[in-house]
Structure formats: C-alpha cells, structure tokens
Amino acid sequence: MTWTSNHVKIRGLKAEGTIIDFFDEPATFYYTENININLKKAKSTQQGWMTITTDSGTVDIHFVGKAYFTSFFPPEGTVVNQPFTITGGTGAYARLHGQGTRTSNTGSPFTVKYTGQFHFD
C-alpha cells in the first residue's frame, strides 16, 4: 500500500470466503483487486476479479471503473458503489451473463450486495 496526503494505492488486495443466501448449494469465492483512492474527491478507480465456486460450476466476475464513496464514517464504515460484469463461468453457469452494481461497506459486519440484470444465453 502507498499512502500520500490525498491518495492511497492498494495493489493485490485479496479475500476469500463463503457466499450465503444466493445459490442453492454451498458457494465460496476468491477475490483480488487493485485500488487507487482519491480521498479529497471521495472516489476511486478500481479493477478486480472474483471467482465464485460451487459444486455445479464457477462464475467469473470483473469489476472495473470508478467507485464512489457515500460515507467515510462509522458505524457503517466506507460505503462503495461500483459497476460489475459477469464475464463467464463453467458447468451450470457456463452461459450465465450479467452486469450491475456492487455495493459494499468496510464496517462490521462487512457486506457486499449485487444488483443488476442476470440471464442465461
């Protein structure tokens, strides 16, 4: 991570965990992202990738573009809205496509919500 008075650069941010209340079966994810944050303008440019894995297949999601912060303060932490695109998958999700908005926070508990249009070709 690089920090200056108005900018933060984070390279190779990684996370993994469990997804609940979406798939009909257990699902895990692996996530990596590069972030450039402009604290003065309350926005950032981000590029990230996530792979969701279930027993039925995988889903690949790409995040790119600007994220706008709607809050910098507790208790909710920093709230970020960012566009995403489903870029592919395997197995039962091989023909899944979609795009929308990812809304996340850095508070406790950490949450991420995806809204958008999803369809199978």
C-alpha atoms as a PDB file:
ATOM      1  CA  MET A   1       0.000   0.000   0.000  1.00  0.00           C
ATOM      2  CA  THR A   2       1.194   3.530  -0.847  1.00  0.00           C
ATOM      3  CA  TRP A   3      -0.143   6.491   1.133  1.00  0.00           C
ATOM      4  CA  THR A   4       0.134  10.232   0.432  1.00  0.00           C
ATOM      5  CA  SER A   5      -1.940  13.074   1.861  1.00  0.00           C
ATOM      6  CA  ASN A   6      -4.809  12.652  -0.630  1.00  0.00           C
ATOM      7  CA  HIS A   7      -4.188   9.284  -2.333  1.00  0.00           C
ATOM      8  CA  VAL A   8      -3.993   5.642  -1.310  1.00  0.00           C
ATOM      9  CA  LYS A   9      -2.857   2.878  -3.695  1.00  0.00           C
ATOM     10  CA  ILE A  10      -3.555  -0.730  -2.796  1.00  0.00           C
ATOM     11  CA  ARG A  11      -2.218  -3.492  -5.062  1.00  0.00           C
ATOM     12  CA  GLY A  12      -3.180  -7.149  -4.855  1.00  0.00           C
ATOM     13  CA  LEU A  13      -5.902  -6.866  -2.210  1.00  0.00           C
ATOM     14  CA  LYS A  14      -7.135 -10.444  -1.724  1.00  0.00           C
ATOM     15  CA  ALA A  15     -10.032 -12.037   0.090  1.00  0.00           C
ATOM     16  CA  GLU A  16     -11.841 -15.350   0.197  1.00  0.00           C
ATOM     17  CA  GLY A  17     -14.920 -16.555   1.985  1.00  0.00           C
ATOM     18  CA  THR A  18     -18.400 -18.044   1.836  1.00  0.00           C
ATOM     19  CA  ILE A  19     -21.456 -16.742  -0.031  1.00  0.00           C
ATOM     20  CA  ILE A  20     -24.816 -17.157   1.692  1.00  0.00           C
ATOM     21  CA  ASP A  21     -28.438 -16.744   0.590  1.00  0.00           C
ATOM     22  CA  PHE A  22     -27.877 -16.770  -3.189  1.00  0.00           C
ATOM     23  CA  PHE A  23     -27.024 -20.223  -4.518  1.00  0.00           C
ATOM     24  CA  ASP A  24     -28.985 -23.384  -3.692  1.00  0.00           C
ATOM     25  CA  GLU A  25     -25.729 -25.022  -2.655  1.00  0.00           C
ATOM     26  CA  PRO A  26     -22.617 -24.021  -0.701  1.00  0.00           C
ATOM     27  CA  ALA A  27     -20.531 -21.392  -2.515  1.00  0.00           C
ATOM     28  CA  THR A  28     -17.093 -19.927  -1.884  1.00  0.00           C
ATOM     29  CA  PHE A  29     -15.289 -17.016  -3.515  1.00  0.00           C
ATOM     30  CA  TYR A  30     -11.756 -15.836  -4.202  1.00  0.00           C
ATOM     31  CA  TYR A  31     -11.269 -12.139  -4.872  1.00  0.00           C
ATOM     32  CA  THR A  32      -8.355  -9.884  -5.883  1.00  0.00           C
ATOM     33  CA  GLU A  33      -8.354  -6.138  -6.577  1.00  0.00           C
ATOM     34  CA  ASN A  34      -6.150  -3.108  -7.281  1.00  0.00           C
ATOM     35  CA  ILE A  35      -7.412   0.205  -5.894  1.00  0.00           C
ATOM     36  CA  ASN A  36      -6.424   3.871  -6.316  1.00  0.00           C
ATOM     37  CA  ILE A  37      -8.305   6.037  -3.811  1.00  0.00           C
ATOM     38  CA  ASN A  38      -8.546   9.834  -4.049  1.00  0.00           C
ATOM     39  CA  LEU A  39      -9.544  10.843  -0.515  1.00  0.00           C
ATOM     40  CA  LYS A  40     -10.042  14.506  -1.429  1.00  0.00           C
ATOM     41  CA  LYS A  41     -12.623  13.690  -4.149  1.00  0.00           C
ATOM     42  CA  ALA A  42     -14.239  10.737  -2.303  1.00  0.00           C
ATOM     43  CA  LYS A  43     -13.834   8.373  -5.262  1.00  0.00           C
ATOM     44  CA  SER A  44     -11.542   5.688  -6.506  1.00  0.00           C
ATOM     45  CA  THR A  45     -10.630   3.740  -9.592  1.00  0.00           C
ATOM     46  CA  GLN A  46     -10.694   0.005  -9.077  1.00  0.00           C
ATOM     47  CA  GLN A  47     -10.116  -3.133 -11.052  1.00  0.00           C
ATOM     48  CA  GLY A  48     -10.823  -6.521  -9.564  1.00  0.00           C
ATOM     49  CA  TRP A  49     -11.740 -10.107 -10.287  1.00  0.00           C
ATOM     50  CA  MET A  50     -13.769 -12.651  -8.371  1.00  0.00           C
ATOM     51  CA  THR A  51     -14.382 -16.342  -8.965  1.00  0.00           C
ATOM     52  CA  ILE A  52     -17.336 -17.989  -7.230  1.00  0.00           C
ATOM     53  CA  THR A  53     -17.108 -21.778  -6.916  1.00  0.00           C
ATOM     54  CA  THR A  54     -19.963 -24.219  -6.282  1.00  0.00           C
ATOM     55  CA  ASP A  55     -20.315 -27.978  -6.821  1.00  0.00           C
ATOM     56  CA  SER A  56     -22.200 -27.140 -10.068  1.00  0.00           C
ATOM     57  CA  GLY A  57     -19.591 -24.805 -11.592  1.00  0.00           C
ATOM     58  CA  THR A  58     -17.889 -21.424 -11.340  1.00  0.00           C
ATOM     59  CA  VAL A  59     -18.850 -17.793 -12.054  1.00  0.00           C
ATOM     60  CA  ASP A  60     -16.255 -15.169 -13.061  1.00  0.00           C
ATOM     61  CA  ILE A  61     -16.957 -11.513 -12.244  1.00  0.00           C
ATOM     62  CA  HIS A  62     -14.915  -8.474 -13.317  1.00  0.00           C
ATOM     63  CA  PHE A  63     -15.048  -5.103 -11.568  1.00  0.00           C
ATOM     64  CA  VAL A  64     -13.710  -2.076 -13.363  1.00  0.00           C
ATOM     65  CA  GLY A  65     -14.370   1.627 -13.237  1.00  0.00           C
ATOM     66  CA  LYS A  66     -14.902   4.262 -10.641  1.00  0.00           C
ATOM     67  CA  ALA A  67     -16.267   3.609  -7.202  1.00  0.00           C
ATOM     68  CA  TYR A  68     -17.958   6.448  -5.364  1.00  0.00           C
ATOM     69  CA  PHE A  69     -17.895   6.630  -1.600  1.00  0.00           C
ATOM     70  CA  THR A  70     -21.181   7.570   0.014  1.00  0.00           C
ATOM     71  CA  SER A  71     -19.813   7.560   3.562  1.00  0.00           C
ATOM     72  CA  PHE A  72     -16.423   7.665   5.276  1.00  0.00           C
ATOM     73  CA  PHE A  73     -17.634   7.328   8.848  1.00  0.00           C
ATOM     74  CA  PRO A  74     -18.644   4.577  11.318  1.00  0.00           C
ATOM     75  CA  PRO A  75     -20.789   2.713  12.169  1.00  0.00           C
ATOM     76  CA  GLU A  76     -21.295   1.658   8.541  1.00  0.00           C
ATOM     77  CA  GLY A  77     -17.697   2.336   7.510  1.00  0.00           C
ATOM     78  CA  THR A  78     -16.965   3.375   3.967  1.00  0.00           C
ATOM     79  CA  VAL A  79     -19.783   2.566   1.538  1.00  0.00           C
ATOM     80  CA  VAL A  80     -18.755   1.947  -2.092  1.00  0.00           C
ATOM     81  CA  ASN A  81     -20.884   1.566  -5.247  1.00  0.00           C
ATOM     82  CA  GLN A  82     -19.135   0.055  -8.272  1.00  0.00           C
ATOM     83  CA  PRO A  83     -20.151  -1.482 -11.633  1.00  0.00           C
ATOM     84  CA  PHE A  84     -19.507  -5.184 -12.324  1.00  0.00           C
ATOM     85  CA  THR A  85     -19.821  -7.618 -15.248  1.00  0.00           C
ATOM     86  CA  ILE A  86     -20.182 -11.395 -15.204  1.00  0.00           C
ATOM     87  CA  THR A  87     -17.578 -12.464 -17.758  1.00  0.00           C
ATOM     88  CA  GLY A  88     -18.117 -16.214 -17.861  1.00  0.00           C
ATOM     89  CA  GLY A  89     -18.414 -19.421 -15.969  1.00  0.00           C
ATOM     90  CA  THR A  90     -18.235 -23.199 -16.109  1.00  0.00           C
ATOM     91  CA  GLY A  91     -20.637 -26.097 -15.605  1.00  0.00           C
ATOM     92  CA  ALA A  92     -24.178 -24.984 -14.769  1.00  0.00           C
ATOM     93  CA  TYR A  93     -23.055 -21.329 -15.042  1.00  0.00           C
ATOM     94  CA  ALA A  94     -21.250 -21.563 -18.403  1.00  0.00           C
ATOM     95  CA  ARG A  95     -23.941 -19.499 -20.130  1.00  0.00           C
ATOM     96  CA  LEU A  96     -24.569 -17.013 -17.295  1.00  0.00           C
ATOM     97  CA  HIS A  97     -24.093 -13.331 -18.170  1.00  0.00           C
ATOM     98  CA  GLY A  98     -24.982 -10.083 -16.475  1.00  0.00           C
ATOM     99  CA  GLN A  99     -23.996  -6.700 -15.181  1.00  0.00           C
ATOM    100  CA  GLY A 100     -24.987  -4.349 -12.436  1.00  0.00           C
ATOM    101  CA  THR A 101     -23.771  -2.567  -9.334  1.00  0.00           C
ATOM    102  CA  ARG A 102     -21.838  -3.892  -6.377  1.00  0.00           C
ATOM    103  CA  THR A 103     -22.478  -2.077  -3.083  1.00  0.00           C
ATOM    104  CA  SER A 104     -20.140  -2.811  -0.203  1.00  0.00           C
ATOM    105  CA  ASN A 105     -19.086  -1.414   3.125  1.00  0.00           C
ATOM    106  CA  THR A 106     -15.972  -1.678   5.271  1.00  0.00           C
ATOM    107  CA  GLY A 107     -17.892  -1.658   8.543  1.00  0.00           C
ATOM    108  CA  SER A 108     -18.720  -4.545  10.799  1.00  0.00           C
ATOM    109  CA  PRO A 109     -20.182  -6.767   9.611  1.00  0.00           C
ATOM    110  CA  PHE A 110     -18.633  -6.409   6.154  1.00  0.00           C
ATOM    111  CA  THR A 111     -21.299  -6.894   3.476  1.00  0.00           C
ATOM    112  CA  VAL A 112     -21.431  -6.877  -0.320  1.00  0.00           C
ATOM    113  CA  LYS A 113     -24.682  -6.703  -2.313  1.00  0.00           C
ATOM    114  CA  TYR A 114     -25.004  -7.249  -6.074  1.00  0.00           C
ATOM    115  CA  THR A 115     -27.958  -5.821  -8.009  1.00  0.00           C
ATOM    116  CA  GLY A 116     -28.414  -5.968 -11.739  1.00  0.00           C
ATOM    117  CA  GLN A 117     -29.596  -7.994 -14.695  1.00  0.00           C
ATOM    118  CA  PHE A 118     -28.586 -11.674 -14.929  1.00  0.00           C
ATOM    119  CA  HIS A 119     -29.530 -14.126 -17.685  1.00  0.00           C
ATOM    120  CA  PHE A 120     -28.540 -17.408 -19.295  1.00  0.00           C
ATOM    121  CA  ASP A 121     -27.916 -17.413 -23.062  1.00  0.00           C
END
